[in-house]
Amino acid sequence: MPAKLMFGGIAFVGVLATAMPALADRNLISNAYDGSYFGQRERIDPLSGSLCANHTLHSLTIENGQLLGDGGDIRGFIAENGFFSGTIIVFDLVQPFEGRIENGILLGGVVSPDSACFWLMRMTRPDAG
């Protein structure tokens, strides 16, 4: 994997960690990003071990600013600035899931419970754009 992409993923996760306090006020929830999103969770190599699943497909619906995975695996909310916060089920455990939506593309970072696996979630809204 090119170093630029690997470090870009790390930087993205770091930016999310500093941007999330703005989501503490649930009065900022926005319906501007409502719609259906489809995509996958991709393993970030070489940070992740070889036993970490790669290319796991996901879909979710955002309605009235609330995120809900179509399989019930994702829950959360999105703010006016496009940042979202919630949870995702990984290895049958509920994990924090945060990221941003911009131009119909959802990007989020996910870490396994034992911090051995790192993924970048990328989903798109087909009707955006």
C-alpha atoms as a PDB file:
ATOM      1  CA  MET A   1       0.000   0.000   0.000  1.00  0.00           C
ATOM      2  CA  PRO A   2       1.411   3.418  -0.856  1.00  0.00           C
ATOM      3  CA  ALA A   3       2.668   5.293   2.195  1.00  0.00           C
ATOM      4  CA  LYS A   4       0.576   8.322   1.236  1.00  0.00           C
ATOM      5  CA  LEU A   5      -2.650   6.298   1.470  1.00  0.00           C
ATOM      6  CA  MET A   6      -1.625   4.570   4.701  1.00  0.00           C
ATOM      7  CA  PHE A   7      -0.668   7.801   6.455  1.00  0.00           C
ATOM      8  CA  GLY A   8      -3.704   9.549   4.951  1.00  0.00           C
ATOM      9  CA  GLY A   9      -5.908   6.997   6.735  1.00  0.00           C
ATOM     10  CA  ILE A  10      -4.046   7.512   9.991  1.00  0.00           C
ATOM     11  CA  ALA A  11      -4.305  11.298   9.650  1.00  0.00           C
ATOM     12  CA  PHE A  12      -8.030  10.987   8.868  1.00  0.00           C
ATOM     13  CA  VAL A  13      -8.649   9.017  12.070  1.00  0.00           C
ATOM     14  CA  GLY A  14      -6.619  11.595  14.033  1.00  0.00           C
ATOM     15  CA  VAL A  15      -8.608  14.501  12.601  1.00  0.00           C
ATOM     16  CA  LEU A  16     -11.844  12.760  13.522  1.00  0.00           C
ATOM     17  CA  ALA A  17     -10.738  12.372  17.120  1.00  0.00           C
ATOM     18  CA  THR A  18     -10.225  16.121  17.434  1.00  0.00           C
ATOM     19  CA  ALA A  19     -13.406  17.091  15.584  1.00  0.00           C
ATOM     20  CA  MET A  20     -15.864  14.955  17.545  1.00  0.00           C
ATOM     21  CA  PRO A  21     -16.458  17.286  20.532  1.00  0.00           C
ATOM     22  CA  ALA A  22     -18.679  19.358  18.229  1.00  0.00           C
ATOM     23  CA  LEU A  23     -21.071  16.408  18.146  1.00  0.00           C
ATOM     24  CA  ALA A  24     -21.694  16.501  21.878  1.00  0.00           C
ATOM     25  CA  ASP A  25     -24.651  18.848  21.369  1.00  0.00           C
ATOM     26  CA  ARG A  26     -27.409  16.726  19.843  1.00  0.00           C
ATOM     27  CA  ASN A  27     -29.260  19.925  18.910  1.00  0.00           C
ATOM     28  CA  LEU A  28     -26.882  20.083  15.955  1.00  0.00           C
ATOM     29  CA  ILE A  29     -28.349  16.935  14.342  1.00  0.00           C
ATOM     30  CA  SER A  30     -29.059  17.520  10.653  1.00  0.00           C
ATOM     31  CA  ASN A  31     -31.253  15.834   8.056  1.00  0.00           C
ATOM     32  CA  ALA A  32     -29.199  17.316   5.178  1.00  0.00           C
ATOM     33  CA  TYR A  33     -27.434  13.969   4.704  1.00  0.00           C
ATOM     34  CA  ASP A  34     -30.527  11.756   4.765  1.00  0.00           C
ATOM     35  CA  GLY A  35     -30.544   8.899   2.266  1.00  0.00           C
ATOM     36  CA  SER A  36     -29.214   5.398   1.647  1.00  0.00           C
ATOM     37  CA  TYR A  37     -25.477   4.701   1.598  1.00  0.00           C
ATOM     38  CA  PHE A  38     -23.654   1.626   0.298  1.00  0.00           C
ATOM     39  CA  GLY A  39     -20.019   0.611   0.517  1.00  0.00           C
ATOM     40  CA  GLN A  40     -17.431  -1.372   2.371  1.00  0.00           C
ATOM     41  CA  ARG A  41     -15.101  -1.486   5.307  1.00  0.00           C
ATOM     42  CA  GLU A  42     -11.531  -1.953   4.048  1.00  0.00           C
ATOM     43  CA  ARG A  43      -8.629  -3.137   6.139  1.00  0.00           C
ATOM     44  CA  ILE A  44      -5.814  -0.598   6.491  1.00  0.00           C
ATOM     45  CA  ASP A  45      -2.546  -2.426   5.838  1.00  0.00           C
ATOM     46  CA  PRO A  46       0.090  -2.801   7.235  1.00  0.00           C
ATOM     47  CA  LEU A  47      -1.452  -1.596  10.497  1.00  0.00           C
ATOM     48  CA  SER A  48      -3.859  -4.551  10.592  1.00  0.00           C
ATOM     49  CA  GLY A  49      -3.015  -8.194  11.112  1.00  0.00           C
ATOM     50  CA  SER A  50      -3.570 -10.696   8.296  1.00  0.00           C
ATOM     51  CA  LEU A  51      -6.508 -12.248  10.194  1.00  0.00           C
ATOM     52  CA  CYS A  52      -8.525  -9.023   9.991  1.00  0.00           C
ATOM     53  CA  ALA A  53     -11.425  -9.235   7.557  1.00  0.00           C
ATOM     54  CA  ASN A  54     -11.138  -7.148   4.409  1.00  0.00           C
ATOM     55  CA  HIS A  55     -13.803  -5.704   2.107  1.00  0.00           C
ATOM     56  CA  THR A  56     -16.788  -6.212   4.399  1.00  0.00           C
ATOM     57  CA  LEU A  57     -19.912  -4.817   2.696  1.00  0.00           C
ATOM     58  CA  HIS A  58     -22.257  -2.472   4.558  1.00  0.00           C
ATOM     59  CA  SER A  59     -25.345  -0.399   3.892  1.00  0.00           C
ATOM     60  CA  LEU A  60     -27.064   2.170   6.038  1.00  0.00           C
ATOM     61  CA  THR A  61     -29.899   4.627   5.960  1.00  0.00           C
ATOM     62  CA  ILE A  62     -29.809   8.112   7.433  1.00  0.00           C
ATOM     63  CA  GLU A  63     -33.232   9.446   8.344  1.00  0.00           C
ATOM     64  CA  ASN A  64     -33.785  12.704  10.236  1.00  0.00           C
ATOM     65  CA  GLY A  65     -30.065  12.783  11.005  1.00  0.00           C
ATOM     66  CA  GLN A  66     -30.067   9.307  12.597  1.00  0.00           C
ATOM     67  CA  LEU A  67     -27.762   6.610  11.190  1.00  0.00           C
ATOM     68  CA  LEU A  68     -29.063   3.059  11.137  1.00  0.00           C
ATOM     69  CA  GLY A  69     -27.235   0.171   9.502  1.00  0.00           C
ATOM     70  CA  ASP A  70     -29.620  -1.907   7.417  1.00  0.00           C
ATOM     71  CA  GLY A  71     -28.428  -4.969   9.350  1.00  0.00           C
ATOM     72  CA  GLY A  72     -28.632  -3.140  12.684  1.00  0.00           C
ATOM     73  CA  ASP A  73     -24.828  -3.053  12.947  1.00  0.00           C
ATOM     74  CA  ILE A  74     -24.468   0.758  12.764  1.00  0.00           C
ATOM     75  CA  ARG A  75     -26.219   3.400  14.884  1.00  0.00           C
ATOM     76  CA  GLY A  76     -25.503   7.090  15.369  1.00  0.00           C
ATOM     77  CA  PHE A  77     -26.306  10.654  14.385  1.00  0.00           C
ATOM     78  CA  ILE A  78     -24.903  13.329  12.072  1.00  0.00           C
ATOM     79  CA  ALA A  79     -24.345  17.034  12.715  1.00  0.00           C
ATOM     80  CA  GLU A  80     -24.847  19.998  10.386  1.00  0.00           C
ATOM     81  CA  ASN A  81     -21.121  20.091   9.571  1.00  0.00           C
ATOM     82  CA  GLY A  82     -21.208  16.523   8.196  1.00  0.00           C
ATOM     83  CA  PHE A  83     -19.456  14.846  11.130  1.00  0.00           C
ATOM     84  CA  PHE A  84     -21.139  11.756  12.533  1.00  0.00           C
ATOM     85  CA  SER A  85     -20.721   9.776  15.709  1.00  0.00           C
ATOM     86  CA  GLY A  86     -22.101   6.403  16.616  1.00  0.00           C
ATOM     87  CA  THR A  87     -21.302   2.744  17.036  1.00  0.00           C
ATOM     88  CA  ILE A  88     -20.670  -0.256  14.805  1.00  0.00           C
ATOM     89  CA  ILE A  89     -20.685  -3.930  15.748  1.00  0.00           C
ATOM     90  CA  VAL A  90     -17.290  -5.567  15.124  1.00  0.00           C
ATOM     91  CA  PHE A  91     -16.628  -9.154  16.198  1.00  0.00           C
ATOM     92  CA  ASP A  92     -19.967  -9.111  18.077  1.00  0.00           C
ATOM     93  CA  LEU A  93     -18.833  -6.123  20.184  1.00  0.00           C
ATOM     94  CA  VAL A  94     -20.104  -2.547  19.974  1.00  0.00           C
ATOM     95  CA  GLN A  95     -17.295  -0.182  18.955  1.00  0.00           C
ATOM     96  CA  PRO A  96     -17.146   3.619  18.467  1.00  0.00           C
ATOM     97  CA  PHE A  97     -17.607   4.690  14.850  1.00  0.00           C
ATOM     98  CA  GLU A  98     -16.954   8.277  13.781  1.00  0.00           C
ATOM     99  CA  GLY A  99     -16.359  10.088  10.543  1.00  0.00           C
ATOM    100  CA  ARG A 100     -17.637  12.619   8.050  1.00  0.00           C
ATOM    101  CA  ILE A 101     -19.915  12.828   5.042  1.00  0.00           C
ATOM    102  CA  GLU A 102     -19.036  15.184   2.226  1.00  0.00           C
ATOM    103  CA  ASN A 103     -20.358  15.284  -1.347  1.00  0.00           C
ATOM    104  CA  GLY A 104     -22.359  12.088  -0.798  1.00  0.00           C
ATOM    105  CA  ILE A 105     -19.337  10.102   0.454  1.00  0.00           C
ATOM    106  CA  LEU A 106     -19.226   8.750   4.002  1.00  0.00           C
ATOM    107  CA  LEU A 107     -15.739   8.110   5.430  1.00  0.00           C
ATOM    108  CA  GLY A 108     -15.264   6.691   8.893  1.00  0.00           C
ATOM    109  CA  GLY A 109     -12.636   4.989  10.986  1.00  0.00           C
ATOM    110  CA  VAL A 110     -13.161   1.700  12.818  1.00  0.00           C
ATOM    111  CA  VAL A 111     -10.798  -0.099  15.202  1.00  0.00           C
ATOM    112  CA  SER A 112     -11.282  -3.659  16.479  1.00  0.00           C
ATOM    113  CA  PRO A 113     -11.830  -4.196  20.211  1.00  0.00           C
ATOM    114  CA  ASP A 114      -8.255  -5.481  20.674  1.00  0.00           C
ATOM    115  CA  SER A 115      -6.759  -2.674  18.505  1.00  0.00           C
ATOM    116  CA  ALA A 116      -5.295  -5.302  16.154  1.00  0.00           C
ATOM    117  CA  CYS A 117      -7.440  -4.328  13.162  1.00  0.00           C
ATOM    118  CA  PHE A 118      -7.962  -0.921  11.580  1.00  0.00           C
ATOM    119  CA  TRP A 119     -10.508  -0.228   8.849  1.00  0.00           C
ATOM    120  CA  LEU A 120     -11.598   2.672   6.723  1.00  0.00           C
ATOM    121  CA  MET A 121     -15.324   2.676   5.994  1.00  0.00           C
ATOM    122  CA  ARG A 122     -16.192   4.244   2.649  1.00  0.00           C
ATOM    123  CA  MET A 123     -19.802   4.436   1.566  1.00  0.00           C
ATOM    124  CA  THR A 124     -21.557   6.475  -1.114  1.00  0.00           C
ATOM    125  CA  ARG A 125     -25.080   7.750  -1.598  1.00  0.00           C
ATOM    126  CA  PRO A 126     -25.975   6.873  -5.211  1.00  0.00           C
ATOM    127  CA  ASP A 127     -28.429   9.769  -5.594  1.00  0.00           C
ATOM    128  CA  ALA A 128     -25.901  12.410  -4.450  1.00  0.00           C
ATOM    129  CA  GLY A 129     -24.299  14.546  -6.882  1.00  0.00           C
END
